[in-house]
Amino acid sequence: MLVPSTKLQVKRNGLVYDLVGFGLYSDKASHFITRYTLKNHSDIFVYGGMKNNRDGYSMRLDKKASFATHLAGNNQGFPGGYKVSAAIYHLRGGTRAQDTCK
């Protein structure tokens, strides 16, 4: 969670960013994958393009996969050689929160 403003802005406008995913890249494989969750962090998904044999569709990881084990903390269990190249956040307050930043 990122809070780029005051507690009042958080309470009034939902000016909070929640981590929901990563873009991962491997130099060795010359390939990217993404790992992400739903807004409520209930399931973890992975997208690996055509290399994951799912014809370009994402797939849900095992039920044991959680936000804590696959997105947060120091040991997310990324595949060997893959490193974070992008972090994706969800803005809780939506357009109301965006308007407070103008």
PDB file of N, CA and C in Angstrom:
ATOM      1  N   MET A   1       0.845  -1.168   0.000  1.00  0.00           N
ATOM      2  CA  MET A   1       0.000   0.000   0.000  1.00  0.00           C
ATOM      3  C   MET A   1       0.897   1.240   0.000  1.00  0.00           C
ATOM      4  N   LEU A   2       0.588   2.189  -0.887  1.00  0.00           N
ATOM      5  CA  LEU A   2       1.260   3.484  -0.911  1.00  0.00           C
ATOM      6  C   LEU A   2       0.246   4.557  -0.564  1.00  0.00           C
ATOM      7  N   VAL A   3       0.635   5.450   0.324  1.00  0.00           N
ATOM      8  CA  VAL A   3      -0.229   6.561   0.716  1.00  0.00           C
ATOM      9  C   VAL A   3       0.540   7.846   0.428  1.00  0.00           C
ATOM     10  N   PRO A   4       0.290   8.479  -0.743  1.00  0.00           N
ATOM     11  CA  PRO A   4       1.088   9.637  -1.135  1.00  0.00           C
ATOM     12  C   PRO A   4       0.608  10.972  -0.571  1.00  0.00           C
ATOM     13  N   SER A   5      -0.311  10.957   0.377  1.00  0.00           N
ATOM     14  CA  SER A   5      -0.867  12.207   0.880  1.00  0.00           C
ATOM     15  C   SER A   5      -1.171  12.080   2.365  1.00  0.00           C
ATOM     16  N   THR A   6      -2.026  12.954   2.845  1.00  0.00           N
ATOM     17  CA  THR A   6      -2.366  12.987   4.267  1.00  0.00           C
ATOM     18  C   THR A   6      -3.445  11.962   4.615  1.00  0.00           C
ATOM     19  N   LYS A   7      -3.578  11.678   5.895  1.00  0.00           N
ATOM     20  CA  LYS A   7      -4.622  10.767   6.364  1.00  0.00           C
ATOM     21  C   LYS A   7      -6.006  11.296   6.004  1.00  0.00           C
ATOM     22  N   LEU A   8      -6.158  12.613   5.995  1.00  0.00           N
ATOM     23  CA  LEU A   8      -7.445  13.213   5.634  1.00  0.00           C
ATOM     24  C   LEU A   8      -7.793  12.910   4.176  1.00  0.00           C
ATOM     25  N   GLN A   9      -6.817  13.024   3.261  1.00  0.00           N
ATOM     26  CA  GLN A   9      -7.065  12.708   1.845  1.00  0.00           C
ATOM     27  C   GLN A   9      -7.388  11.224   1.667  1.00  0.00           C
ATOM     28  N   VAL A  10      -6.760  10.381   2.439  1.00  0.00           N
ATOM     29  CA  VAL A  10      -7.054   8.952   2.378  1.00  0.00           C
ATOM     30  C   VAL A  10      -8.503   8.714   2.784  1.00  0.00           C
ATOM     31  N   LYS A  11      -8.902   9.300   3.894  1.00  0.00           N
ATOM     32  CA  LYS A  11     -10.257   9.100   4.410  1.00  0.00           C
ATOM     33  C   LYS A  11     -11.310   9.714   3.485  1.00  0.00           C
ATOM     34  N   ARG A  12     -11.084  10.927   3.025  1.00  0.00           N
ATOM     35  CA  ARG A  12     -12.051  11.642   2.188  1.00  0.00           C
ATOM     36  C   ARG A  12     -12.156  11.102   0.765  1.00  0.00           C
ATOM     37  N   ASN A  13     -11.007  10.836   0.147  1.00  0.00           N
ATOM     38  CA  ASN A  13     -10.979  10.572  -1.289  1.00  0.00           C
ATOM     39  C   ASN A  13     -10.409   9.225  -1.705  1.00  0.00           C
ATOM     40  N   GLY A  14      -9.995   8.417  -0.753  1.00  0.00           N
ATOM     41  CA  GLY A  14      -9.442   7.113  -1.117  1.00  0.00           C
ATOM     42  C   GLY A  14      -8.118   7.207  -1.842  1.00  0.00           C
ATOM     43  N   LEU A  15      -7.311   8.202  -1.486  1.00  0.00           N
ATOM     44  CA  LEU A  15      -6.022   8.406  -2.149  1.00  0.00           C
ATOM     45  C   LEU A  15      -4.990   7.417  -1.594  1.00  0.00           C
ATOM     46  N   VAL A  16      -5.185   6.141  -1.973  1.00  0.00           N
ATOM     47  CA  VAL A  16      -4.329   5.035  -1.555  1.00  0.00           C
ATOM     48  C   VAL A  16      -4.118   4.119  -2.756  1.00  0.00           C
ATOM     49  N   TYR A  17      -2.895   3.705  -2.956  1.00  0.00           N
ATOM     50  CA  TYR A  17      -2.574   2.766  -4.022  1.00  0.00           C
ATOM     51  C   TYR A  17      -2.269   1.401  -3.401  1.00  0.00           C
ATOM     52  N   ASP A  18      -2.942   0.368  -3.884  1.00  0.00           N
ATOM     53  CA  ASP A  18      -2.694  -0.998  -3.428  1.00  0.00           C
ATOM     54  C   ASP A  18      -1.958  -1.769  -4.514  1.00  0.00           C
ATOM     55  N   LEU A  19      -0.909  -2.467  -4.126  1.00  0.00           N
ATOM     56  CA  LEU A  19      -0.176  -3.305  -5.053  1.00  0.00           C
ATOM     57  C   LEU A  19      -1.077  -4.442  -5.527  1.00  0.00           C
ATOM     58  N   VAL A  20      -1.163  -4.642  -6.854  1.00  0.00           N
ATOM     59  CA  VAL A  20      -1.975  -5.732  -7.394  1.00  0.00           C
ATOM     60  C   VAL A  20      -1.204  -6.623  -8.363  1.00  0.00           C
ATOM     61  N   GLY A  21       0.021  -6.233  -8.742  1.00  0.00           N
ATOM     62  CA  GLY A  21       0.746  -7.106  -9.667  1.00  0.00           C
ATOM     63  C   GLY A  21       2.142  -6.635  -9.990  1.00  0.00           C
ATOM     64  N   PHE A  22       2.851  -7.514 -10.706  1.00  0.00           N
ATOM     65  CA  PHE A  22       4.206  -7.237 -11.158  1.00  0.00           C
ATOM     66  C   PHE A  22       4.354  -7.636 -12.612  1.00  0.00           C
ATOM     67  N   GLY A  23       5.148  -6.874 -13.333  1.00  0.00           N
ATOM     68  CA  GLY A  23       5.657  -7.300 -14.620  1.00  0.00           C
ATOM     69  C   GLY A  23       7.055  -7.822 -14.361  1.00  0.00           C
ATOM     70  N   LEU A  24       7.351  -9.023 -14.798  1.00  0.00           N
ATOM     71  CA  LEU A  24       8.649  -9.655 -14.544  1.00  0.00           C
ATOM     72  C   LEU A  24       9.345  -9.914 -15.872  1.00  0.00           C
ATOM     73  N   TYR A  25      10.664  -9.777 -15.879  1.00  0.00           N
ATOM     74  CA  TYR A  25      11.418  -9.999 -17.113  1.00  0.00           C
ATOM     75  C   TYR A  25      12.656 -10.839 -16.819  1.00  0.00           C
ATOM     76  N   SER A  26      12.978 -11.722 -17.752  1.00  0.00           N
ATOM     77  CA  SER A  26      14.190 -12.527 -17.665  1.00  0.00           C
ATOM     78  C   SER A  26      15.084 -12.214 -18.857  1.00  0.00           C
ATOM     79  N   ASP A  27      16.304 -11.719 -18.579  1.00  0.00           N
ATOM     80  CA  ASP A  27      17.282 -11.486 -19.645  1.00  0.00           C
ATOM     81  C   ASP A  27      17.653 -12.800 -20.323  1.00  0.00           C
ATOM     82  N   LYS A  28      17.845 -13.823 -19.523  1.00  0.00           N
ATOM     83  CA  LYS A  28      18.277 -15.116 -20.056  1.00  0.00           C
ATOM     84  C   LYS A  28      17.241 -15.697 -21.018  1.00  0.00           C
ATOM     85  N   ALA A  29      15.963 -15.606 -20.642  1.00  0.00           N
ATOM     86  CA  ALA A  29      14.896 -16.167 -21.477  1.00  0.00           C
ATOM     87  C   ALA A  29      14.402 -15.177 -22.531  1.00  0.00           C
ATOM     88  N   SER A  30      14.806 -13.900 -22.426  1.00  0.00           N
ATOM     89  CA  SER A  30      14.280 -12.834 -23.288  1.00  0.00           C
ATOM     90  C   SER A  30      12.759 -12.891 -23.332  1.00  0.00           C
ATOM     91  N   HIS A  31      12.172 -12.919 -22.143  1.00  0.00           N
ATOM     92  CA  HIS A  31      10.721 -13.108 -22.033  1.00  0.00           C
ATOM     93  C   HIS A  31      10.188 -12.364 -20.820  1.00  0.00           C
ATOM     94  N   PHE A  32       8.918 -11.927 -20.911  1.00  0.00           N
ATOM     95  CA  PHE A  32       8.260 -11.312 -19.763  1.00  0.00           C
ATOM     96  C   PHE A  32       7.105 -12.202 -19.319  1.00  0.00           C
ATOM     97  N   ILE A  33       6.767 -12.070 -18.049  1.00  0.00           N
ATOM     98  CA  ILE A  33       5.553 -12.676 -17.499  1.00  0.00           C
ATOM     99  C   ILE A  33       4.929 -11.658 -16.562  1.00  0.00           C
ATOM    100  N   THR A  34       3.696 -11.837 -16.226  1.00  0.00           N
ATOM    101  CA  THR A  34       3.066 -10.996 -15.217  1.00  0.00           C
ATOM    102  C   THR A  34       2.480 -11.887 -14.135  1.00  0.00           C
ATOM    103  N   ARG A  35       2.469 -11.360 -12.949  1.00  0.00           N
ATOM    104  CA  ARG A  35       1.831 -12.027 -11.818  1.00  0.00           C
ATOM    105  C   ARG A  35       0.963 -10.969 -11.158  1.00  0.00           C
ATOM    106  N   TYR A  36      -0.308 -11.296 -10.934  1.00  0.00           N
ATOM    107  CA  TYR A  36      -1.226 -10.293 -10.404  1.00  0.00           C
ATOM    108  C   TYR A  36      -2.346 -10.944  -9.600  1.00  0.00           C
ATOM    109  N   THR A  37      -3.073 -10.104  -8.891  1.00  0.00           N
ATOM    110  CA  THR A  37      -4.178 -10.555  -8.072  1.00  0.00           C
ATOM    111  C   THR A  37      -5.423  -9.733  -8.384  1.00  0.00           C
ATOM    112  N   LEU A  38      -6.542 -10.210  -7.911  1.00  0.00           N
ATOM    113  CA  LEU A  38      -7.778  -9.440  -8.001  1.00  0.00           C
ATOM    114  C   LEU A  38      -7.740  -8.340  -6.951  1.00  0.00           C
ATOM    115  N   LYS A  39      -8.630  -7.397  -7.062  1.00  0.00           N
ATOM    116  CA  LYS A  39      -8.655  -6.269  -6.145  1.00  0.00           C
ATOM    117  C   LYS A  39      -8.733  -6.710  -4.677  1.00  0.00           C
ATOM    118  N   ASN A  40      -9.442  -7.802  -4.419  1.00  0.00           N
ATOM    119  CA  ASN A  40      -9.593  -8.267  -3.040  1.00  0.00           C
ATOM    120  C   ASN A  40      -8.508  -9.266  -2.625  1.00  0.00           C
ATOM    121  N   HIS A  41      -7.502  -9.478  -3.484  1.00  0.00           N
ATOM    122  CA  HIS A  41      -6.358 -10.359  -3.214  1.00  0.00           C
ATOM    123  C   HIS A  41      -6.757 -11.817  -3.007  1.00  0.00           C
ATOM    124  N   SER A  42      -7.885 -12.238  -3.561  1.00  0.00           N
ATOM    125  CA  SER A  42      -8.375 -13.594  -3.307  1.00  0.00           C
ATOM    126  C   SER A  42      -7.639 -14.670  -4.092  1.00  0.00           C
ATOM    127  N   ASP A  43      -7.223 -14.408  -5.303  1.00  0.00           N
ATOM    128  CA  ASP A  43      -6.530 -15.387  -6.131  1.00  0.00           C
ATOM    129  C   ASP A  43      -5.331 -14.729  -6.793  1.00  0.00           C
ATOM    130  N   ILE A  44      -4.323 -15.545  -7.095  1.00  0.00           N
ATOM    131  CA  ILE A  44      -3.127 -15.056  -7.775  1.00  0.00           C
ATOM    132  C   ILE A  44      -3.108 -15.658  -9.177  1.00  0.00           C
ATOM    133  N   PHE A  45      -2.865 -14.806 -10.170  1.00  0.00           N
ATOM    134  CA  PHE A  45      -2.835 -15.226 -11.564  1.00  0.00           C
ATOM    135  C   PHE A  45      -1.455 -14.993 -12.152  1.00  0.00           C
ATOM    136  N   VAL A  46      -1.134 -15.740 -13.198  1.00  0.00           N
ATOM    137  CA  VAL A  46       0.112 -15.554 -13.918  1.00  0.00           C
ATOM    138  C   VAL A  46      -0.208 -15.534 -15.402  1.00  0.00           C
ATOM    139  N   TYR A  47       0.508 -14.672 -16.112  1.00  0.00           N
ATOM    140  CA  TYR A  47       0.377 -14.610 -17.564  1.00  0.00           C
ATOM    141  C   TYR A  47       1.773 -14.705 -18.137  1.00  0.00           C
ATOM    142  N   GLY A  48       1.976 -15.644 -19.042  1.00  0.00           N
ATOM    143  CA  GLY A  48       3.293 -15.812 -19.627  1.00  0.00           C
ATOM    144  C   GLY A  48       3.273 -15.833 -21.133  1.00  0.00           C
ATOM    145  N   GLY A  49       2.230 -15.277 -21.742  1.00  0.00           N
ATOM    146  CA  GLY A  49       2.147 -15.275 -23.197  1.00  0.00           C
ATOM    147  C   GLY A  49       2.002 -16.675 -23.739  1.00  0.00           C
ATOM    148  N   MET A  50       2.513 -16.886 -24.901  1.00  0.00           N
ATOM    149  CA  MET A  50       2.386 -18.185 -25.560  1.00  0.00           C
ATOM    150  C   MET A  50       3.280 -19.250 -24.915  1.00  0.00           C
ATOM    151  N   LYS A  51       4.254 -18.843 -24.122  1.00  0.00           N
ATOM    152  CA  LYS A  51       5.185 -19.810 -23.541  1.00  0.00           C
ATOM    153  C   LYS A  51       4.568 -20.666 -22.445  1.00  0.00           C
ATOM    154  N   ASN A  52       3.423 -20.270 -21.906  1.00  0.00           N
ATOM    155  CA  ASN A  52       2.855 -21.073 -20.828  1.00  0.00           C
ATOM    156  C   ASN A  52       1.842 -22.101 -21.341  1.00  0.00           C
ATOM    157  N   ASN A  53       1.796 -22.300 -22.660  1.00  0.00           N
ATOM    158  CA  ASN A  53       0.925 -23.307 -23.278  1.00  0.00           C
ATOM    159  C   ASN A  53      -0.551 -23.116 -22.965  1.00  0.00           C
ATOM    160  N   ARG A  54      -0.968 -21.888 -22.760  1.00  0.00           N
ATOM    161  CA  ARG A  54      -2.371 -21.586 -22.506  1.00  0.00           C
ATOM    162  C   ARG A  54      -2.935 -20.717 -23.630  1.00  0.00           C
ATOM    163  N   ASP A  55      -2.302 -20.740 -24.770  1.00  0.00           N
ATOM    164  CA  ASP A  55      -2.745 -19.972 -25.928  1.00  0.00           C
ATOM    165  C   ASP A  55      -2.906 -18.485 -25.637  1.00  0.00           C
ATOM    166  N   GLY A  56      -2.057 -17.961 -24.777  1.00  0.00           N
ATOM    167  CA  GLY A  56      -2.078 -16.535 -24.501  1.00  0.00           C
ATOM    168  C   GLY A  56      -3.042 -16.108 -23.414  1.00  0.00           C
ATOM    169  N   TYR A  57      -3.624 -17.039 -22.673  1.00  0.00           N
ATOM    170  CA  TYR A  57      -4.529 -16.708 -21.575  1.00  0.00           C
ATOM    171  C   TYR A  57      -3.800 -16.807 -20.245  1.00  0.00           C
ATOM    172  N   SER A  58      -4.232 -16.006 -19.279  1.00  0.00           N
ATOM    173  CA  SER A  58      -3.664 -16.115 -17.941  1.00  0.00           C
ATOM    174  C   SER A  58      -4.240 -17.342 -17.241  1.00  0.00           C
ATOM    175  N   MET A  59      -3.567 -17.765 -16.190  1.00  0.00           N
ATOM    176  CA  MET A  59      -4.076 -18.894 -15.420  1.00  0.00           C
ATOM    177  C   MET A  59      -3.923 -18.623 -13.933  1.00  0.00           C
ATOM    178  N   ARG A  60      -4.852 -19.165 -13.170  1.00  0.00           N
ATOM    179  CA  ARG A  60      -4.826 -18.998 -11.716  1.00  0.00           C
ATOM    180  C   ARG A  60      -3.813 -19.979 -11.143  1.00  0.00           C
ATOM    181  N   LEU A  61      -3.000 -19.481 -10.227  1.00  0.00           N
ATOM    182  CA  LEU A  61      -2.048 -20.359  -9.561  1.00  0.00           C
ATOM    183  C   LEU A  61      -2.785 -21.226  -8.545  1.00  0.00           C
ATOM    184  N   ASP A  62      -2.097 -22.199  -8.038  1.00  0.00           N
ATOM    185  CA  ASP A  62      -2.624 -23.110  -7.029  1.00  0.00           C
ATOM    186  C   ASP A  62      -3.312 -22.333  -5.900  1.00  0.00           C
ATOM    187  N   LYS A  63      -4.335 -22.923  -5.309  1.00  0.00           N
ATOM    188  CA  LYS A  63      -5.067 -22.278  -4.201  1.00  0.00           C
ATOM    189  C   LYS A  63      -4.159 -21.905  -3.039  1.00  0.00           C
ATOM    190  N   LYS A  64      -3.016 -22.583  -2.897  1.00  0.00           N
ATOM    191  CA  LYS A  64      -2.077 -22.270  -1.815  1.00  0.00           C
ATOM    192  C   LYS A  64      -1.360 -20.944  -2.064  1.00  0.00           C
ATOM    193  N   ALA A  65      -1.329 -20.482  -3.313  1.00  0.00           N
ATOM    194  CA  ALA A  65      -0.698 -19.204  -3.644  1.00  0.00           C
ATOM    195  C   ALA A  65      -1.516 -18.080  -3.018  1.00  0.00           C
ATOM    196  N   SER A  66      -0.832 -17.170  -2.364  1.00  0.00           N
ATOM    197  CA  SER A  66      -1.527 -16.052  -1.724  1.00  0.00           C
ATOM    198  C   SER A  66      -0.779 -14.761  -2.018  1.00  0.00           C
ATOM    199  N   PHE A  67      -1.403 -13.662  -1.666  1.00  0.00           N
ATOM    200  CA  PHE A  67      -0.762 -12.366  -1.834  1.00  0.00           C
ATOM    201  C   PHE A  67       0.557 -12.343  -1.057  1.00  0.00           C
ATOM    202  N   ALA A  68       0.539 -12.859   0.150  1.00  0.00           N
ATOM    203  CA  ALA A  68       1.728 -12.848   1.003  1.00  0.00           C
ATOM    204  C   ALA A  68       2.863 -13.694   0.431  1.00  0.00           C
ATOM    205  N   THR A  69       2.547 -14.802  -0.216  1.00  0.00           N
ATOM    206  CA  THR A  69       3.600 -15.697  -0.705  1.00  0.00           C
ATOM    207  C   THR A  69       4.037 -15.415  -2.138  1.00  0.00           C
ATOM    208  N   HIS A  70       3.207 -14.717  -2.927  1.00  0.00           N
ATOM    209  CA  HIS A  70       3.535 -14.553  -4.343  1.00  0.00           C
ATOM    210  C   HIS A  70       3.621 -13.108  -4.836  1.00  0.00           C
ATOM    211  N   LEU A  71       3.282 -12.142  -3.972  1.00  0.00           N
ATOM    212  CA  LEU A  71       3.406 -10.734  -4.380  1.00  0.00           C
ATOM    213  C   LEU A  71       4.079  -9.860  -3.327  1.00  0.00           C
ATOM    214  N   ALA A  72       3.868 -10.118  -2.061  1.00  0.00           N
ATOM    215  CA  ALA A  72       4.399  -9.252  -1.001  1.00  0.00           C
ATOM    216  C   ALA A  72       5.636  -9.865  -0.355  1.00  0.00           C
ATOM    217  N   GLY A  73       6.360  -9.053   0.393  1.00  0.00           N
ATOM    218  CA  GLY A  73       7.494  -9.554   1.146  1.00  0.00           C
ATOM    219  C   GLY A  73       8.762  -9.704   0.328  1.00  0.00           C
ATOM    220  N   ASN A  74       9.746 -10.350   0.928  1.00  0.00           N
ATOM    221  CA  ASN A  74      11.061 -10.491   0.304  1.00  0.00           C
ATOM    222  C   ASN A  74      11.206 -11.734  -0.549  1.00  0.00           C
ATOM    223  N   ASN A  75      10.342 -12.712  -0.402  1.00  0.00           N
ATOM    224  CA  ASN A  75      10.494 -13.966  -1.133  1.00  0.00           C
ATOM    225  C   ASN A  75       9.187 -14.324  -1.823  1.00  0.00           C
ATOM    226  N   GLN A  76       8.998 -13.795  -3.033  1.00  0.00           N
ATOM    227  CA  GLN A  76       7.754 -14.008  -3.761  1.00  0.00           C
ATOM    228  C   GLN A  76       7.767 -15.275  -4.594  1.00  0.00           C
ATOM    229  N   GLY A  77       8.845 -16.013  -4.597  1.00  0.00           N
ATOM    230  CA  GLY A  77       8.901 -17.249  -5.360  1.00  0.00           C
ATOM    231  C   GLY A  77       8.834 -17.045  -6.867  1.00  0.00           C
ATOM    232  N   PHE A  78       9.454 -15.969  -7.372  1.00  0.00           N
ATOM    233  CA  PHE A  78       9.466 -15.744  -8.813  1.00  0.00           C
ATOM    234  C   PHE A  78      10.263 -16.847  -9.496  1.00  0.00           C
ATOM    235  N   PRO A  79       9.899 -17.184 -10.723  1.00  0.00           N
ATOM    236  CA  PRO A  79      10.677 -18.187 -11.463  1.00  0.00           C
ATOM    237  C   PRO A  79      12.135 -17.739 -11.602  1.00  0.00           C
ATOM    238  N   GLY A  80      13.041 -18.704 -11.665  1.00  0.00           N
ATOM    239  CA  GLY A  80      14.470 -18.417 -11.747  1.00  0.00           C
ATOM    240  C   GLY A  80      14.818 -17.457 -12.871  1.00  0.00           C
ATOM    241  N   GLY A  81      15.591 -16.425 -12.537  1.00  0.00           N
ATOM    242  CA  GLY A  81      16.058 -15.470 -13.528  1.00  0.00           C
ATOM    243  C   GLY A  81      15.117 -14.310 -13.786  1.00  0.00           C
ATOM    244  N   TYR A  82      13.889 -14.366 -13.284  1.00  0.00           N
ATOM    245  CA  TYR A  82      12.933 -13.276 -13.506  1.00  0.00           C
ATOM    246  C   TYR A  82      13.056 -12.241 -12.400  1.00  0.00           C
ATOM    247  N   LYS A  83      13.032 -10.971 -12.820  1.00  0.00           N
ATOM    248  CA  LYS A  83      13.119  -9.856 -11.876  1.00  0.00           C
ATOM    249  C   LYS A  83      12.011  -8.855 -12.179  1.00  0.00           C
ATOM    250  N   VAL A  84      11.625  -8.108 -11.161  1.00  0.00           N
ATOM    251  CA  VAL A  84      10.555  -7.111 -11.311  1.00  0.00           C
ATOM    252  C   VAL A  84      11.005  -6.012 -12.254  1.00  0.00           C
ATOM    253  N   SER A  85      10.201  -5.756 -13.281  1.00  0.00           N
ATOM    254  CA  SER A  85      10.470  -4.637 -14.188  1.00  0.00           C
ATOM    255  C   SER A  85       9.371  -3.592 -14.102  1.00  0.00           C
ATOM    256  N   ALA A  86       8.229  -3.941 -13.498  1.00  0.00           N
ATOM    257  CA  ALA A  86       7.127  -2.992 -13.315  1.00  0.00           C
ATOM    258  C   ALA A  86       6.277  -3.439 -12.138  1.00  0.00           C
ATOM    259  N   ALA A  87       5.767  -2.480 -11.395  1.00  0.00           N
ATOM    260  CA  ALA A  87       4.823  -2.749 -10.311  1.00  0.00           C
ATOM    261  C   ALA A  87       3.491  -2.106 -10.694  1.00  0.00           C
ATOM    262  N   ILE A  88       2.403  -2.827 -10.501  1.00  0.00           N
ATOM    263  CA  ILE A  88       1.075  -2.340 -10.884  1.00  0.00           C
ATOM    264  C   ILE A  88       0.251  -2.116  -9.624  1.00  0.00           C
ATOM    265  N   TYR A  89      -0.346  -0.931  -9.550  1.00  0.00           N
ATOM    266  CA  TYR A  89      -1.132  -0.555  -8.379  1.00  0.00           C
ATOM    267  C   TYR A  89      -2.560  -0.227  -8.785  1.00  0.00           C
ATOM    268  N   HIS A  90      -3.484  -0.389  -7.836  1.00  0.00           N
ATOM    269  CA  HIS A  90      -4.886  -0.016  -8.007  1.00  0.00           C
ATOM    270  C   HIS A  90      -5.149   1.181  -7.106  1.00  0.00           C
ATOM    271  N   LEU A  91      -5.751   2.233  -7.665  1.00  0.00           N
ATOM    272  CA  LEU A  91      -6.097   3.427  -6.891  1.00  0.00           C
ATOM    273  C   LEU A  91      -7.466   3.218  -6.270  1.00  0.00           C
ATOM    274  N   ARG A  92      -7.534   3.124  -4.961  1.00  0.00           N
ATOM    275  CA  ARG A  92      -8.790   2.817  -4.262  1.00  0.00           C
ATOM    276  C   ARG A  92      -9.917   3.803  -4.568  1.00  0.00           C
ATOM    277  N   GLY A  93      -9.614   5.063  -4.555  1.00  0.00           N
ATOM    278  CA  GLY A  93     -10.659   6.069  -4.703  1.00  0.00           C
ATOM    279  C   GLY A  93     -11.061   6.364  -6.142  1.00  0.00           C
ATOM    280  N   GLY A  94     -10.446   5.708  -7.110  1.00  0.00           N
ATOM    281  CA  GLY A  94     -10.805   5.897  -8.511  1.00  0.00           C
ATOM    282  C   GLY A  94     -10.665   7.335  -8.974  1.00  0.00           C
ATOM    283  N   THR A  95     -11.628   7.777  -9.782  1.00  0.00           N
ATOM    284  CA  THR A  95     -11.542   9.135 -10.352  1.00  0.00           C
ATOM    285  C   THR A  95     -11.648  10.215  -9.278  1.00  0.00           C
ATOM    286  N   ARG A  96     -12.368   9.946  -8.207  1.00  0.00           N
ATOM    287  CA  ARG A  96     -12.463  10.924  -7.111  1.00  0.00           C
ATOM    288  C   ARG A  96     -11.064  11.188  -6.545  1.00  0.00           C
ATOM    289  N   ALA A  97     -10.290  10.144  -6.344  1.00  0.00           N
ATOM    290  CA  ALA A  97      -8.929  10.301  -5.827  1.00  0.00           C
ATOM    291  C   ALA A  97      -8.030  10.962  -6.875  1.00  0.00           C
ATOM    292  N   GLN A  98      -8.201  10.608  -8.152  1.00  0.00           N
ATOM    293  CA  GLN A  98      -7.398  11.226  -9.208  1.00  0.00           C
ATOM    294  C   GLN A  98      -7.634  12.721  -9.251  1.00  0.00           C
ATOM    295  N   ASP A  99      -8.869  13.136  -9.116  1.00  0.00           N
ATOM    296  CA  ASP A  99      -9.201  14.567  -9.185  1.00  0.00           C
ATOM    297  C   ASP A  99      -8.547  15.375  -8.074  1.00  0.00           C
ATOM    298  N   THR A 100      -8.236  14.756  -6.937  1.00  0.00           N
ATOM    299  CA  THR A 100      -7.599  15.503  -5.852  1.00  0.00           C
ATOM    300  C   THR A 100      -6.145  15.810  -6.181  1.00  0.00           C
ATOM    301  N   CYS A 101      -5.576  15.126  -7.168  1.00  0.00           N
ATOM    302  CA  CYS A 101      -4.165  15.327  -7.527  1.00  0.00           C
ATOM    303  C   CYS A 101      -3.971  16.360  -8.624  1.00  0.00           C
ATOM    304  N   LYS A 102      -5.026  16.948  -9.128  1.00  0.00           N
ATOM    305  CA  LYS A 102      -4.908  17.908 -10.242  1.00  0.00           C
ATOM    306  C   LYS A 102      -4.398  19.237  -9.752  1.00  0.00           C
TER     307      LYS A 102
END
